[in-house]
Amino acid sequence: MKNIIYILFLLFSLSIIGQTENIKKDFRVDLLTIEKNTRDTLIGTFTEIYSGSKRIEAKCCTDFDGIDIFYINPKDIVDNRIYMKFYGRKCKPYKKKFIIRGDLKTTIYLKYGKTKYNNKIQDFEMMFKKLNIEHDNFRCGTVN
């Protein structure tokens, strides 16, 4: 009887160890985009993410609250550094560098100014012609 308890404990422990992930998870990036002077949230801001000399991804776009949430694979990041370019409607393009070692939550302040991206109609031109953004695969309720 004593041996059966040890064997059950060993089998139970092995099944738990086998289910734990030992890989590095994607970094979560939470962005809030705001116009610097008026403090208005900016809807429809596009983001390009670079690391090293390579573009990792281009994201479309912030929601009605100026929020965009996406994930970056740690394998794509060179020397823990990324930089992002932001394109907000009626705002000057903006570039910012980040050192990333984990999840990132930040606020981006854009300024109104000269740009080619001024209205919602130009969203598709910005997405497909300039940034070559592919449709997002949402992770709603899925487990990898």
N, C-alpha and C. Protein backbone atom coordinates (compact mmCIF):
# COMPACT_ATOMS: atom_id res chain seq x y z
N MET A 1 0.82 -1.19 0.00
CA MET A 1 0.00 0.00 0.00
C MET A 1 0.86 1.25 0.00
N LYS A 2 1.94 1.19 0.76
CA LYS A 2 2.84 2.33 0.86
C LYS A 2 3.49 2.61 -0.49
N ASN A 3 3.85 1.58 -1.21
CA ASN A 3 4.47 1.75 -2.54
C ASN A 3 3.48 2.32 -3.56
N ILE A 4 2.23 1.97 -3.46
CA ILE A 4 1.22 2.46 -4.38
C ILE A 4 1.07 3.98 -4.24
N ILE A 5 1.12 4.46 -3.02
CA ILE A 5 1.01 5.91 -2.78
C ILE A 5 2.19 6.63 -3.42
N TYR A 6 3.40 6.08 -3.28
CA TYR A 6 4.58 6.69 -3.90
C TYR A 6 4.49 6.67 -5.43
N ILE A 7 4.01 5.58 -5.97
CA ILE A 7 3.88 5.46 -7.42
C ILE A 7 2.84 6.45 -7.94
N LEU A 8 1.70 6.57 -7.27
CA LEU A 8 0.69 7.55 -7.68
C LEU A 8 1.22 8.98 -7.60
N PHE A 9 1.95 9.27 -6.53
CA PHE A 9 2.55 10.60 -6.39
C PHE A 9 3.54 10.88 -7.53
N LEU A 10 4.34 9.91 -7.88
CA LEU A 10 5.31 10.06 -8.96
C LEU A 10 4.61 10.27 -10.29
N LEU A 11 3.59 9.49 -10.60
CA LEU A 11 2.85 9.65 -11.85
C LEU A 11 2.14 11.00 -11.92
N PHE A 12 1.55 11.42 -10.82
CA PHE A 12 0.88 12.71 -10.78
C PHE A 12 1.88 13.85 -11.00
N SER A 13 3.04 13.76 -10.38
CA SER A 13 4.07 14.79 -10.53
C SER A 13 4.57 14.86 -11.97
N LEU A 14 4.77 13.72 -12.61
CA LEU A 14 5.23 13.70 -13.99
C LEU A 14 4.21 14.34 -14.94
N SER A 15 2.94 14.10 -14.69
CA SER A 15 1.92 14.69 -15.57
C SER A 15 1.87 16.21 -15.40
N ILE A 16 2.09 16.71 -14.21
CA ILE A 16 2.11 18.15 -13.99
C ILE A 16 3.35 18.78 -14.63
N ILE A 17 4.48 18.18 -14.48
CA ILE A 17 5.73 18.70 -15.07
C ILE A 17 5.64 18.71 -16.59
N GLY A 18 5.00 17.71 -17.15
CA GLY A 18 4.87 17.62 -18.60
C GLY A 18 3.96 18.69 -19.18
N GLN A 19 3.08 19.25 -18.37
CA GLN A 19 2.15 20.25 -18.87
C GLN A 19 2.66 21.68 -18.72
N THR A 20 3.70 21.91 -17.97
CA THR A 20 4.21 23.27 -17.80
C THR A 20 5.02 23.68 -19.01
N GLU A 21 4.81 24.93 -19.44
CA GLU A 21 5.55 25.44 -20.59
C GLU A 21 6.91 25.95 -20.11
N ASN A 22 7.91 25.65 -20.87
CA ASN A 22 9.24 26.09 -20.54
C ASN A 22 9.78 27.02 -21.62
N ILE A 23 8.90 27.56 -22.45
CA ILE A 23 9.34 28.45 -23.52
C ILE A 23 9.04 29.89 -23.13
N LYS A 24 9.74 30.80 -23.75
CA LYS A 24 9.55 32.21 -23.48
C LYS A 24 8.28 32.68 -24.19
N LYS A 25 7.37 33.29 -23.45
CA LYS A 25 6.12 33.75 -24.02
C LYS A 25 6.31 35.07 -24.75
N ASP A 26 5.36 35.37 -25.62
CA ASP A 26 5.39 36.64 -26.34
C ASP A 26 5.22 37.80 -25.36
N PHE A 27 5.86 38.93 -25.70
CA PHE A 27 5.71 40.14 -24.90
C PHE A 27 4.42 40.84 -25.29
N ARG A 28 3.67 41.26 -24.33
CA ARG A 28 2.43 42.00 -24.58
C ARG A 28 2.76 43.49 -24.59
N VAL A 29 2.25 44.19 -25.60
CA VAL A 29 2.46 45.63 -25.71
C VAL A 29 1.09 46.32 -25.65
N ASP A 30 0.94 47.20 -24.66
CA ASP A 30 -0.27 48.00 -24.49
C ASP A 30 0.07 49.45 -24.81
N LEU A 31 -0.56 49.99 -25.85
CA LEU A 31 -0.30 51.38 -26.25
C LEU A 31 -1.56 52.22 -26.06
N LEU A 32 -1.36 53.42 -25.59
CA LEU A 32 -2.42 54.43 -25.54
C LEU A 32 -1.89 55.63 -26.30
N THR A 33 -2.58 56.06 -27.35
CA THR A 33 -2.12 57.20 -28.14
C THR A 33 -3.01 58.41 -27.85
N ILE A 34 -2.33 59.51 -27.55
CA ILE A 34 -2.98 60.76 -27.17
C ILE A 34 -2.34 61.90 -27.93
N GLU A 35 -3.15 62.90 -28.31
CA GLU A 35 -2.60 64.11 -28.92
C GLU A 35 -2.00 64.95 -27.80
N LYS A 36 -0.78 65.41 -28.01
CA LYS A 36 0.00 66.02 -26.94
C LYS A 36 -0.63 67.29 -26.35
N ASN A 37 -1.14 68.17 -27.17
CA ASN A 37 -1.64 69.45 -26.67
C ASN A 37 -3.09 69.38 -26.18
N THR A 38 -3.95 68.72 -26.91
CA THR A 38 -5.37 68.68 -26.56
C THR A 38 -5.73 67.54 -25.61
N ARG A 39 -4.84 66.56 -25.48
CA ARG A 39 -5.06 65.36 -24.66
C ARG A 39 -6.22 64.50 -25.16
N ASP A 40 -6.56 64.64 -26.44
CA ASP A 40 -7.58 63.79 -27.05
C ASP A 40 -6.99 62.43 -27.36
N THR A 41 -7.78 61.36 -27.18
CA THR A 41 -7.31 60.05 -27.61
C THR A 41 -7.40 59.99 -29.13
N LEU A 42 -6.46 59.32 -29.73
CA LEU A 42 -6.39 59.26 -31.19
C LEU A 42 -6.86 57.91 -31.69
N ILE A 43 -7.91 57.94 -32.49
CA ILE A 43 -8.50 56.74 -33.07
C ILE A 43 -7.79 56.43 -34.38
N GLY A 44 -7.51 55.17 -34.65
CA GLY A 44 -6.98 54.76 -35.95
C GLY A 44 -5.50 55.01 -36.16
N THR A 45 -4.72 55.02 -35.09
CA THR A 45 -3.27 55.21 -35.22
C THR A 45 -2.62 53.89 -35.63
N PHE A 46 -1.81 53.93 -36.68
CA PHE A 46 -1.06 52.76 -37.15
C PHE A 46 0.30 52.71 -36.47
N THR A 47 0.82 51.50 -36.28
CA THR A 47 2.11 51.32 -35.63
C THR A 47 2.97 50.35 -36.45
N GLU A 48 4.23 50.74 -36.67
CA GLU A 48 5.22 49.83 -37.26
C GLU A 48 6.25 49.52 -36.19
N ILE A 49 6.63 48.24 -36.07
CA ILE A 49 7.60 47.81 -35.07
C ILE A 49 8.85 47.30 -35.77
N TYR A 50 10.00 47.82 -35.34
CA TYR A 50 11.29 47.43 -35.91
C TYR A 50 12.21 46.97 -34.80
N SER A 51 13.12 46.06 -35.14
CA SER A 51 14.21 45.68 -34.25
C SER A 51 15.41 45.38 -35.12
N GLY A 52 16.55 45.94 -34.74
CA GLY A 52 17.71 45.87 -35.62
C GLY A 52 17.39 46.68 -36.86
N SER A 53 17.63 46.15 -38.01
CA SER A 53 17.29 46.85 -39.25
C SER A 53 16.07 46.22 -39.92
N LYS A 54 15.36 45.36 -39.20
CA LYS A 54 14.26 44.60 -39.78
C LYS A 54 12.91 45.04 -39.19
N ARG A 55 11.92 45.17 -40.07
CA ARG A 55 10.56 45.45 -39.59
C ARG A 55 9.96 44.15 -39.09
N ILE A 56 9.56 44.14 -37.84
CA ILE A 56 8.96 42.95 -37.23
C ILE A 56 7.50 42.84 -37.65
N GLU A 57 6.79 43.97 -37.54
CA GLU A 57 5.36 43.91 -37.78
C GLU A 57 4.81 45.32 -37.98
N ALA A 58 3.66 45.40 -38.61
CA ALA A 58 2.90 46.65 -38.71
C ALA A 58 1.50 46.36 -38.19
N LYS A 59 0.99 47.22 -37.33
CA LYS A 59 -0.28 46.98 -36.67
C LYS A 59 -1.31 48.04 -37.05
N CYS A 60 -2.51 47.59 -37.23
CA CYS A 60 -3.65 48.47 -37.44
C CYS A 60 -4.62 48.18 -36.33
N CYS A 61 -5.10 49.03 -35.84
CA CYS A 61 -4.93 50.41 -35.48
C CYS A 61 -5.59 50.60 -34.14
N THR A 62 -5.42 51.74 -33.53
CA THR A 62 -5.98 51.96 -32.20
C THR A 62 -7.50 52.03 -32.27
N ASP A 63 -8.13 51.64 -31.17
CA ASP A 63 -9.59 51.62 -31.12
C ASP A 63 -10.15 53.00 -30.75
N PHE A 64 -11.43 53.07 -30.42
CA PHE A 64 -12.07 54.34 -30.11
C PHE A 64 -11.53 54.99 -28.84
N ASP A 65 -10.88 54.22 -28.00
CA ASP A 65 -10.27 54.77 -26.79
C ASP A 65 -8.79 55.08 -26.98
N GLY A 66 -8.27 54.93 -28.21
CA GLY A 66 -6.87 55.19 -28.48
C GLY A 66 -5.95 54.08 -28.02
N ILE A 67 -6.50 52.89 -27.80
CA ILE A 67 -5.74 51.77 -27.26
C ILE A 67 -5.46 50.74 -28.35
N ASP A 68 -4.24 50.21 -28.34
CA ASP A 68 -3.88 49.09 -29.20
C ASP A 68 -3.10 48.10 -28.36
N ILE A 69 -3.47 46.84 -28.44
CA ILE A 69 -2.79 45.77 -27.70
C ILE A 69 -2.34 44.73 -28.71
N PHE A 70 -1.06 44.36 -28.65
CA PHE A 70 -0.55 43.32 -29.54
C PHE A 70 0.61 42.61 -28.87
N TYR A 71 1.11 41.57 -29.52
CA TYR A 71 2.15 40.72 -28.95
C TYR A 71 3.36 40.70 -29.88
N ILE A 72 4.56 40.66 -29.27
CA ILE A 72 5.80 40.58 -30.03
C ILE A 72 6.54 39.32 -29.59
N ASN A 73 6.99 38.54 -30.56
CA ASN A 73 7.76 37.34 -30.27
C ASN A 73 9.17 37.75 -29.84
N PRO A 74 9.65 37.28 -28.68
CA PRO A 74 10.99 37.64 -28.20
C PRO A 74 12.11 37.25 -29.17
N LYS A 75 11.87 36.25 -30.01
CA LYS A 75 12.89 35.82 -30.97
C LYS A 75 13.14 36.88 -32.04
N ASP A 76 12.15 37.75 -32.26
CA ASP A 76 12.28 38.80 -33.28
C ASP A 76 13.04 40.03 -32.78
N ILE A 77 13.27 40.11 -31.47
CA ILE A 77 13.87 41.30 -30.89
C ILE A 77 15.38 41.14 -30.82
N VAL A 78 16.09 42.15 -31.35
CA VAL A 78 17.55 42.15 -31.37
C VAL A 78 18.06 43.04 -30.23
N ASP A 79 18.92 42.52 -29.37
CA ASP A 79 19.54 43.26 -28.27
C ASP A 79 18.53 43.95 -27.36
N ASN A 80 17.37 43.35 -27.13
CA ASN A 80 16.31 43.89 -26.27
C ASN A 80 15.87 45.30 -26.66
N ARG A 81 16.06 45.67 -27.92
CA ARG A 81 15.69 47.01 -28.37
C ARG A 81 14.72 46.93 -29.54
N ILE A 82 13.70 47.77 -29.46
CA ILE A 82 12.79 47.94 -30.57
C ILE A 82 12.58 49.43 -30.77
N TYR A 83 12.13 49.79 -31.93
CA TYR A 83 11.62 51.14 -32.11
C TYR A 83 10.35 51.06 -32.92
N MET A 84 9.47 51.99 -32.62
CA MET A 84 8.15 51.99 -33.25
C MET A 84 7.91 53.33 -33.93
N LYS A 85 7.25 53.25 -35.08
CA LYS A 85 6.81 54.43 -35.80
C LYS A 85 5.29 54.49 -35.69
N PHE A 86 4.79 55.67 -35.41
CA PHE A 86 3.35 55.87 -35.22
C PHE A 86 2.83 56.84 -36.27
N TYR A 87 1.69 56.50 -36.84
CA TYR A 87 1.04 57.33 -37.85
C TYR A 87 -0.40 57.57 -37.39
N GLY A 88 -0.65 58.75 -36.83
CA GLY A 88 -1.99 59.10 -36.37
C GLY A 88 -2.65 60.05 -37.36
N ARG A 89 -3.97 59.99 -37.43
CA ARG A 89 -4.69 60.88 -38.33
C ARG A 89 -4.41 62.33 -37.95
N LYS A 90 -4.07 63.11 -38.96
CA LYS A 90 -3.77 64.54 -38.83
C LYS A 90 -2.57 64.82 -37.92
N CYS A 91 -1.75 63.79 -37.67
CA CYS A 91 -0.58 63.95 -36.79
C CYS A 91 0.70 63.69 -37.56
N LYS A 92 1.75 64.37 -37.15
CA LYS A 92 3.06 64.12 -37.74
C LYS A 92 3.51 62.71 -37.35
N PRO A 93 4.13 61.98 -38.28
CA PRO A 93 4.66 60.66 -37.91
C PRO A 93 5.67 60.81 -36.76
N TYR A 94 5.68 59.82 -35.88
CA TYR A 94 6.50 59.88 -34.67
C TYR A 94 7.24 58.56 -34.51
N LYS A 95 8.48 58.63 -34.05
CA LYS A 95 9.31 57.43 -33.87
C LYS A 95 9.84 57.44 -32.45
N LYS A 96 9.77 56.28 -31.77
CA LYS A 96 10.27 56.18 -30.40
C LYS A 96 10.96 54.84 -30.19
N LYS A 97 12.07 54.87 -29.44
CA LYS A 97 12.83 53.66 -29.13
C LYS A 97 12.47 53.15 -27.75
N PHE A 98 12.53 51.82 -27.59
CA PHE A 98 12.23 51.18 -26.32
C PHE A 98 13.25 50.08 -26.05
N ILE A 99 13.59 49.89 -24.78
CA ILE A 99 14.32 48.70 -24.34
C ILE A 99 13.25 47.79 -23.76
N ILE A 100 13.18 46.58 -24.29
CA ILE A 100 12.08 45.69 -23.91
C ILE A 100 12.64 44.39 -23.35
N ARG A 101 12.27 44.12 -22.09
CA ARG A 101 12.69 42.88 -21.43
C ARG A 101 11.49 42.08 -20.94
N GLY A 102 10.32 42.65 -21.14
CA GLY A 102 9.08 42.02 -20.70
C GLY A 102 7.92 42.77 -21.32
N ASP A 103 6.75 42.62 -20.72
CA ASP A 103 5.58 43.31 -21.23
C ASP A 103 5.79 44.82 -21.16
N LEU A 104 5.19 45.53 -22.09
CA LEU A 104 5.38 46.98 -22.20
C LEU A 104 4.02 47.66 -22.17
N LYS A 105 3.89 48.66 -21.32
CA LYS A 105 2.67 49.47 -21.27
C LYS A 105 3.12 50.92 -21.30
N THR A 106 2.69 51.66 -22.33
CA THR A 106 3.16 53.03 -22.48
C THR A 106 2.11 53.91 -23.13
N THR A 107 2.28 55.22 -22.95
CA THR A 107 1.43 56.21 -23.60
C THR A 107 2.27 56.95 -24.62
N ILE A 108 1.72 57.11 -25.81
CA ILE A 108 2.41 57.80 -26.90
C ILE A 108 1.71 59.13 -27.15
N TYR A 109 2.50 60.19 -27.16
CA TYR A 109 1.96 61.53 -27.38
C TYR A 109 2.33 61.98 -28.79
N LEU A 110 1.32 62.11 -29.64
CA LEU A 110 1.53 62.59 -31.00
C LEU A 110 1.08 64.04 -31.09
N LYS A 111 1.63 64.76 -32.10
CA LYS A 111 1.28 66.16 -32.30
C LYS A 111 0.59 66.32 -33.64
N TYR A 112 -0.45 67.15 -33.65
CA TYR A 112 -1.08 67.49 -34.91
C TYR A 112 -0.06 68.22 -35.78
N GLY A 113 -0.08 67.92 -37.07
CA GLY A 113 0.85 68.56 -37.98
C GLY A 113 0.70 68.02 -39.38
N LYS A 114 1.67 68.33 -40.22
CA LYS A 114 1.62 67.96 -41.63
C LYS A 114 1.76 66.45 -41.81
N THR A 115 0.82 65.87 -42.55
CA THR A 115 0.82 64.44 -42.81
C THR A 115 -0.01 64.14 -44.05
N LYS A 116 0.16 62.95 -44.61
CA LYS A 116 -0.64 62.51 -45.75
C LYS A 116 -1.84 61.69 -45.30
N TYR A 117 -1.95 61.44 -44.02
CA TYR A 117 -2.99 60.58 -43.45
C TYR A 117 -3.93 61.48 -42.65
N ASN A 118 -5.04 61.92 -43.26
CA ASN A 118 -5.89 62.92 -42.64
C ASN A 118 -7.33 62.50 -42.35
N ASN A 119 -7.80 61.41 -42.94
CA ASN A 119 -9.19 61.03 -42.69
C ASN A 119 -9.37 59.52 -42.79
N LYS A 120 -10.55 59.06 -42.38
CA LYS A 120 -10.85 57.62 -42.34
C LYS A 120 -10.79 56.97 -43.72
N ILE A 121 -11.11 57.73 -44.75
CA ILE A 121 -11.08 57.18 -46.11
C ILE A 121 -9.67 56.75 -46.49
N GLN A 122 -8.67 57.41 -45.96
CA GLN A 122 -7.28 57.09 -46.28
C GLN A 122 -6.74 55.90 -45.48
N ASP A 123 -7.56 55.31 -44.60
CA ASP A 123 -7.13 54.13 -43.83
C ASP A 123 -6.67 53.00 -44.73
N PHE A 124 -7.47 52.67 -45.75
CA PHE A 124 -7.14 51.54 -46.61
C PHE A 124 -5.87 51.80 -47.42
N GLU A 125 -5.70 53.03 -47.87
CA GLU A 125 -4.47 53.38 -48.59
C GLU A 125 -3.26 53.22 -47.67
N MET A 126 -3.41 53.67 -46.44
CA MET A 126 -2.32 53.56 -45.46
C MET A 126 -2.03 52.09 -45.14
N MET A 127 -3.10 51.29 -44.95
CA MET A 127 -2.91 49.89 -44.58
C MET A 127 -2.28 49.07 -45.68
N PHE A 128 -2.81 49.18 -46.88
CA PHE A 128 -2.41 48.26 -47.93
C PHE A 128 -1.29 48.77 -48.82
N LYS A 129 -1.25 50.07 -49.10
CA LYS A 129 -0.23 50.58 -50.00
C LYS A 129 1.05 50.99 -49.28
N LYS A 130 0.92 51.71 -48.19
CA LYS A 130 2.10 52.21 -47.52
C LYS A 130 2.71 51.21 -46.55
N LEU A 131 1.90 50.62 -45.69
CA LEU A 131 2.41 49.76 -44.62
C LEU A 131 2.33 48.27 -44.90
N ASN A 132 1.60 47.85 -45.91
CA ASN A 132 1.41 46.43 -46.24
C ASN A 132 0.98 45.61 -45.03
N ILE A 133 -0.05 46.07 -44.38
CA ILE A 133 -0.55 45.39 -43.18
C ILE A 133 -1.44 44.23 -43.59
N GLU A 134 -1.18 43.08 -42.98
CA GLU A 134 -2.03 41.91 -43.20
C GLU A 134 -3.14 41.93 -42.17
N HIS A 135 -4.20 41.20 -42.45
CA HIS A 135 -5.30 41.13 -41.49
C HIS A 135 -4.81 40.44 -40.23
N ASP A 136 -5.26 40.93 -39.09
CA ASP A 136 -4.86 40.37 -37.80
C ASP A 136 -5.53 39.02 -37.56
N ASN A 137 -4.80 38.15 -36.90
CA ASN A 137 -5.37 36.92 -36.38
C ASN A 137 -5.60 37.15 -34.90
N PHE A 138 -6.85 37.23 -34.49
CA PHE A 138 -7.15 37.56 -33.12
C PHE A 138 -6.98 36.34 -32.22
N ARG A 139 -6.58 36.57 -30.97
CA ARG A 139 -6.36 35.50 -30.01
C ARG A 139 -7.48 35.44 -29.00
N CYS A 140 -8.67 35.72 -29.42
CA CYS A 140 -9.79 35.79 -28.51
C CYS A 140 -10.19 34.39 -28.06
N GLY A 141 -9.92 34.07 -26.81
CA GLY A 141 -10.36 32.81 -26.25
C GLY A 141 -9.63 31.59 -26.75
N THR A 142 -8.46 31.76 -27.37
CA THR A 142 -7.74 30.60 -27.86
C THR A 142 -6.52 30.33 -27.01
N VAL A 143 -6.10 29.10 -27.01
CA VAL A 143 -4.90 28.69 -26.29
C VAL A 143 -3.97 28.03 -27.29
N ASN A 144 -2.73 28.50 -27.33
CA ASN A 144 -1.74 27.92 -28.25
C ASN A 144 -1.12 26.69 -27.65
